[in-house]
Protein backbone atom coordinates (compact mmCIF):
# COMPACT_ATOMS: atom_id res chain seq x y z
CA MET A 1 0.00 0.00 0.00
CA ASN A 2 1.39 3.37 -1.03
CA ALA A 3 1.33 5.65 2.02
CA VAL A 4 1.23 8.84 -0.05
CA ILE A 5 -0.32 10.97 2.73
CA LEU A 6 2.30 9.80 5.24
CA HIS A 7 5.12 10.53 2.80
CA ARG A 8 3.75 13.98 1.99
CA ALA A 9 3.18 14.85 5.65
CA VAL A 10 6.78 13.96 6.54
CA THR A 11 8.46 15.59 3.54
CA ASP A 12 6.46 18.80 3.98
CA ARG A 13 8.02 19.14 7.43
CA ARG A 14 11.63 18.33 6.56
CA ARG A 15 12.80 21.88 7.32
CA TRP A 16 10.79 21.82 10.54
CA LEU A 17 12.47 18.53 11.44
CA ILE A 18 15.96 19.88 10.74
CA GLY A 19 15.33 22.97 12.85
CA TRP A 20 13.87 21.05 15.77
CA SER A 21 16.64 18.45 15.59
CA ILE A 22 19.27 21.17 15.85
CA GLY A 23 17.40 22.71 18.77
CA VAL A 24 17.03 19.42 20.67
CA ALA A 25 20.68 18.50 20.11
CA ALA A 26 21.88 21.94 21.20
CA PHE A 27 19.73 21.83 24.33
CA VAL A 28 21.09 18.43 25.37
CA VAL A 29 24.72 19.26 24.61
CA VAL A 30 24.64 22.56 26.51
CA ASN A 31 22.99 21.03 29.57
CA ILE A 32 25.32 18.07 29.81
CA ALA A 33 28.39 20.24 29.12
CA PHE A 34 27.87 21.87 32.54
CA TRP A 35 28.18 18.51 34.32
CA PRO A 36 31.94 18.80 35.17
CA SER A 37 31.38 22.18 36.83
CA PHE A 38 28.44 20.94 38.89
CA ARG A 39 30.27 17.72 39.79
CA ASP A 40 33.16 19.64 41.33
CA GLN A 41 30.77 21.67 43.50
CA SER A 42 28.21 18.97 44.25
CA ASP A 43 28.57 19.07 48.05
CA GLU A 44 27.96 22.82 48.27
CA LEU A 45 25.09 22.71 45.77
CA ASN A 46 23.42 19.78 47.53
CA ASP A 47 23.55 21.69 50.81
CA MET A 48 21.80 24.59 49.12
CA PHE A 49 19.09 22.47 47.50
CA GLU A 50 18.40 20.64 50.75
CA GLN A 51 17.15 23.93 52.17
CA MET A 52 14.41 24.09 49.53
CA PRO A 53 10.84 22.95 50.39
CA ASP A 54 10.02 19.40 49.30
CA SER A 55 7.31 20.64 46.94
CA LEU A 56 9.76 22.92 45.14
CA ARG A 57 12.40 20.21 44.91
CA SER A 58 9.82 17.85 43.43
CA LEU A 59 8.86 20.37 40.76
CA PHE A 60 12.48 20.28 39.56
CA GLY A 61 12.62 16.48 39.65
CA MET A 62 14.63 16.38 42.87
CA GLY A 63 12.11 14.62 45.10
CA ASP A 64 12.42 11.22 46.77
CA GLY A 65 15.98 11.88 47.91
CA VAL A 66 17.36 12.34 44.40
CA ASP A 67 20.98 13.55 44.31
CA PRO A 68 20.74 15.97 41.38
CA PHE A 69 24.52 16.00 40.93
CA SER A 70 25.13 12.28 40.70
CA PRO A 71 25.48 11.03 37.10
CA VAL A 72 22.01 9.44 37.05
CA GLY A 73 20.44 12.27 39.05
CA TYR A 74 21.92 14.90 36.76
CA LEU A 75 20.60 13.23 33.61
CA SER A 76 17.22 12.79 35.25
CA THR A 77 16.80 16.37 36.48
CA GLN A 78 18.48 18.21 33.63
CA VAL A 79 17.32 16.19 30.64
CA TYR A 80 14.73 13.46 31.06
CA THR A 81 12.35 14.55 33.83
CA LEU A 82 11.05 17.82 32.42
CA ALA A 83 13.00 19.71 29.77
CA LEU A 84 13.44 17.16 26.97
CA PRO A 85 9.94 15.63 27.35
CA MET A 86 8.40 19.11 27.28
CA LEU A 87 10.36 20.05 24.16
CA LEU A 88 9.14 16.89 22.44
CA LEU A 89 5.60 17.49 23.67
CA ILE A 90 5.57 21.04 22.28
CA ALA A 91 6.77 19.72 18.92
CA GLY A 92 4.34 16.79 18.89
CA ILE A 93 1.27 18.77 19.96
CA GLY A 94 2.03 21.40 17.33
CA VAL A 95 2.20 18.83 14.54
CA VAL A 96 -0.93 17.00 15.66
CA ALA A 97 -2.89 20.23 16.03
CA ALA A 98 -1.93 21.16 12.47
CA ILE A 99 -4.13 18.29 11.29
CA ALA A 100 -7.19 19.90 12.86
CA GLY A 101 -5.94 23.31 11.73
CA ASP A 102 -5.92 22.27 8.09
CA GLU A 103 -9.49 21.06 8.40
CA GLU A 104 -10.54 24.24 10.23
CA ARG A 105 -9.18 26.38 7.37
CA GLY A 106 -10.81 24.21 4.72
CA LEU A 107 -7.50 22.90 3.37
CA LEU A 108 -8.53 19.25 3.70
CA GLU A 109 -11.65 19.47 1.55
CA THR A 110 -9.77 18.40 -1.57
CA VAL A 111 -7.94 15.65 0.29
CA TYR A 112 -11.20 14.23 1.62
CA THR A 113 -12.44 13.86 -1.96
CA LEU A 114 -9.65 11.37 -2.73
CA PRO A 115 -10.60 7.68 -3.00
CA LEU A 116 -9.29 7.09 0.52
CA THR A 117 -11.23 6.59 3.72
CA ARG A 118 -11.16 9.28 6.38
CA ARG A 119 -9.65 6.78 8.78
CA ARG A 120 -6.76 6.08 6.46
CA LEU A 121 -6.11 9.79 5.93
CA LEU A 122 -6.06 10.45 9.65
CA ALA A 123 -4.04 7.29 10.36
CA GLU A 124 -1.33 8.28 7.89
CA ARG A 125 -1.09 11.82 9.23
CA TRP A 126 -0.89 10.42 12.76
CA ALA A 127 1.82 8.02 11.56
CA ALA A 128 3.73 11.06 10.32
CA VAL A 129 3.56 12.53 13.84
CA VAL A 130 4.94 9.26 15.20
CA VAL A 131 7.78 9.28 12.68
CA LEU A 132 8.70 12.93 13.29
CA THR A 133 8.67 12.66 17.09
CA SER A 134 10.61 9.40 16.92
CA VAL A 135 13.34 11.10 14.89
CA LEU A 136 13.53 13.95 17.43
CA SER A 137 13.75 11.40 20.25
CA ALA A 138 16.55 9.59 18.43
CA VAL A 139 18.40 12.89 18.01
CA GLY A 140 17.99 13.49 21.74
CA LEU A 141 19.32 10.02 22.56
CA VAL A 142 22.37 10.29 20.31
CA SER A 143 23.14 13.78 21.62
CA THR A 144 22.78 12.62 25.22
CA TRP A 145 24.99 9.58 24.73
CA ALA A 146 27.68 11.51 22.83
CA SER A 147 27.73 14.41 25.32
CA ALA A 148 27.76 12.06 28.31
CA THR A 149 30.69 10.19 26.80
CA VAL A 150 32.68 13.37 26.20
CA VAL A 151 32.27 14.65 29.79
CA ASP A 152 32.63 11.14 31.27
CA LEU A 153 29.21 11.25 32.89
CA GLY A 154 29.16 7.50 33.44
CA ALA A 155 25.41 6.86 33.15
CA PRO A 156 24.27 3.45 31.80
CA VAL A 157 23.69 3.47 28.04
CA TRP A 158 20.63 1.24 28.28
CA GLY A 159 19.26 3.58 30.91
CA MET A 160 19.46 6.42 28.38
CA VAL A 161 17.83 4.25 25.71
CA TRP A 162 14.86 3.30 27.87
CA ALA A 163 14.53 6.80 29.30
CA THR A 164 14.25 8.06 25.72
CA VAL A 165 11.67 5.40 24.91
CA GLY A 166 9.68 6.46 27.95
CA SER A 167 9.83 10.13 26.95
CA THR A 168 8.62 9.20 23.47
CA LEU A 169 5.72 7.16 24.83
CA ARG A 170 4.70 10.09 27.01
CA VAL A 171 4.72 12.31 23.93
CA TRP A 172 2.52 9.87 22.03
CA SER A 173 0.06 9.47 24.89
CA VAL A 174 -0.42 13.25 25.22
CA THR A 175 -0.44 13.97 21.49
CA GLY A 176 -2.93 11.13 21.13
CA VAL A 177 -5.28 13.16 23.34
CA SER A 178 -4.77 16.19 21.06
CA LEU A 179 -5.42 13.98 18.03
CA LEU A 180 -8.70 12.81 19.56
CA ILE A 181 -9.86 16.34 20.37
CA GLY A 182 -8.97 17.49 16.86
CA ALA A 183 -10.85 14.55 15.32
CA ILE A 184 -13.93 15.27 17.43
CA THR A 185 -14.04 19.04 16.97
CA GLY A 186 -11.83 19.93 13.99
CA ARG A 187 -10.47 22.84 16.06
CA ARG A 188 -6.72 23.43 16.18
CA GLY A 189 -6.80 25.76 19.19
CA LEU A 190 -8.80 23.32 21.27
CA ALA A 191 -6.50 20.44 20.35
CA ILE A 192 -3.46 22.47 21.45
CA THR A 193 -5.15 23.62 24.66
CA VAL A 194 -6.29 20.19 25.80
CA GLY A 195 -2.95 18.57 24.96
CA SER A 196 -0.98 21.31 26.71
CA VAL A 197 -3.18 21.26 29.81
CA THR A 198 -2.88 17.47 29.95
CA ALA A 199 0.92 17.68 29.84
CA VAL A 200 1.33 20.49 32.38
CA ALA A 201 -1.32 19.16 34.76
CA SER A 202 0.24 15.69 34.63
CA TYR A 203 3.67 17.03 35.49
CA LEU A 204 2.33 19.10 38.40
CA ILE A 205 0.26 16.22 39.76
CA THR A 206 3.18 13.79 39.73
CA SER A 207 5.65 16.31 41.15
CA LEU A 208 3.38 17.44 43.99
CA ALA A 209 2.37 13.84 44.73
CA ASP A 210 6.08 13.02 45.12
CA ALA A 211 6.22 15.84 47.67
CA GLY A 212 3.61 14.02 49.75
CA ILE A 213 0.67 16.39 49.19
CA GLY A 214 -2.44 14.29 49.84
CA VAL A 215 -4.85 15.42 47.15
CA PHE A 216 -2.20 15.04 44.45
CA GLU A 217 -1.28 11.58 45.72
CA THR A 218 -4.91 10.63 45.08
CA LEU A 219 -4.79 12.02 41.55
CA GLU A 220 -1.34 10.60 40.75
CA PRO A 221 -2.54 7.51 38.80
CA LEU A 222 -4.26 9.86 36.32
CA SER A 223 -0.98 11.55 35.33
CA VAL A 224 0.95 10.33 32.29
CA PHE A 225 4.17 11.39 34.04
CA THR A 226 3.44 8.95 36.86
CA HIS A 227 3.70 5.90 34.67
CA TYR A 228 7.36 6.28 33.85
CA ASP A 229 10.00 6.33 36.58
CA VAL A 230 12.88 8.10 34.86
CA LEU A 231 15.32 7.88 37.77
CA ALA A 232 14.82 4.16 38.31
CA THR A 233 15.07 3.50 34.59
CA LEU A 234 18.34 5.42 34.25
CA ALA A 235 19.78 3.60 37.27
CA SER A 236 18.66 0.07 36.37
CA GLY A 237 18.81 0.27 32.58
CA ARG A 238 15.30 -1.12 32.14
CA PRO A 239 11.78 0.31 32.23
CA SER A 240 8.97 -0.46 34.64
CA TRP A 241 5.84 -2.29 33.57
CA SER A 242 3.83 0.90 34.05
CA VAL A 243 5.01 2.17 30.66
CA LEU A 244 2.36 -0.15 29.23
CA VAL A 245 -0.21 2.35 30.57
CA LEU A 246 1.26 4.94 28.18
CA VAL A 247 1.03 2.43 25.33
CA ALA A 248 -2.60 1.73 26.23
CA ILE A 249 -3.47 5.45 26.32
CA THR A 250 -1.86 5.96 22.91
CA ILE A 251 -3.74 3.05 21.35
CA ALA A 252 -7.06 4.01 22.95
CA THR A 253 -6.92 7.67 21.88
CA THR A 254 -5.84 6.72 18.37
CA LEU A 255 -8.69 4.25 17.92
CA ALA A 256 -11.16 6.73 19.37
CA ALA A 257 -9.90 9.45 17.00
CA LEU A 258 -10.26 7.14 13.99
CA TRP A 259 -13.82 6.33 15.03
CA ALA A 260 -14.65 10.00 15.65
CA ILE A 261 -13.39 11.26 12.28
CA ASP A 262 -15.36 8.52 10.50
CA HIS A 263 -18.64 9.41 12.22
CA ARG A 264 -18.47 13.22 12.42
CA ASP A 265 -20.37 15.41 9.98
CA LEU A 266 -17.49 17.45 8.58
CA ARG A 267 -19.87 20.02 7.08
CA SER A 268 -20.81 21.12 10.60
CA SER A 269 -17.19 21.72 11.69
């Protein structure tokens, strides 16, 4: 089967992909390049961070007794807990929302007249999102591994691999929500808003739950950030079974989006 829509969606964003790849690589390299300086002052910096409230430490990925200046702790706090996943989420949500944006502006009317089902059209454009975010994740992994090797960070390679996989799954689970909202409403702004709120709320819930705040501990299972333990993965070199929750969310939202686009009256969008 010739995936012409997938091919077009990817090639149309080749400049976007180059720009984002450079940005992701630069971010990772710059952050890890500071490791030798922090390592030499780790005792003094740890004393300073220990004075911070638990809730504030948790927001920066330093909860649960994490040493942010150990090799694994540094990678966790500076790369994999917040910054890199959020970069990938911003990229992924933007691409997914563009699908609804094209429909909102009437740019998909001609495409929908092709002898292809709506589900196939949406599936191929979603596949393009998967491909693009996977490439960005791979760029992040290679940049992390290369930078860590240069500064002798000493973190397990398989830990980096699985941490990257976990970050990618989180991106897909959140962008899957945006895809579903776009398929239901055909509204780009709403798809961006719901995806962004899901990502930010999930991070806050998990972080504040780690700080021991009761109401957030109750909500913690609802957060996509809860189902991937970055620190444990970096330390052990293998993921936890809870990553399957992220896989399930991605599959469920994708199937729901395919059903929604097939049953919605596009003329009323």
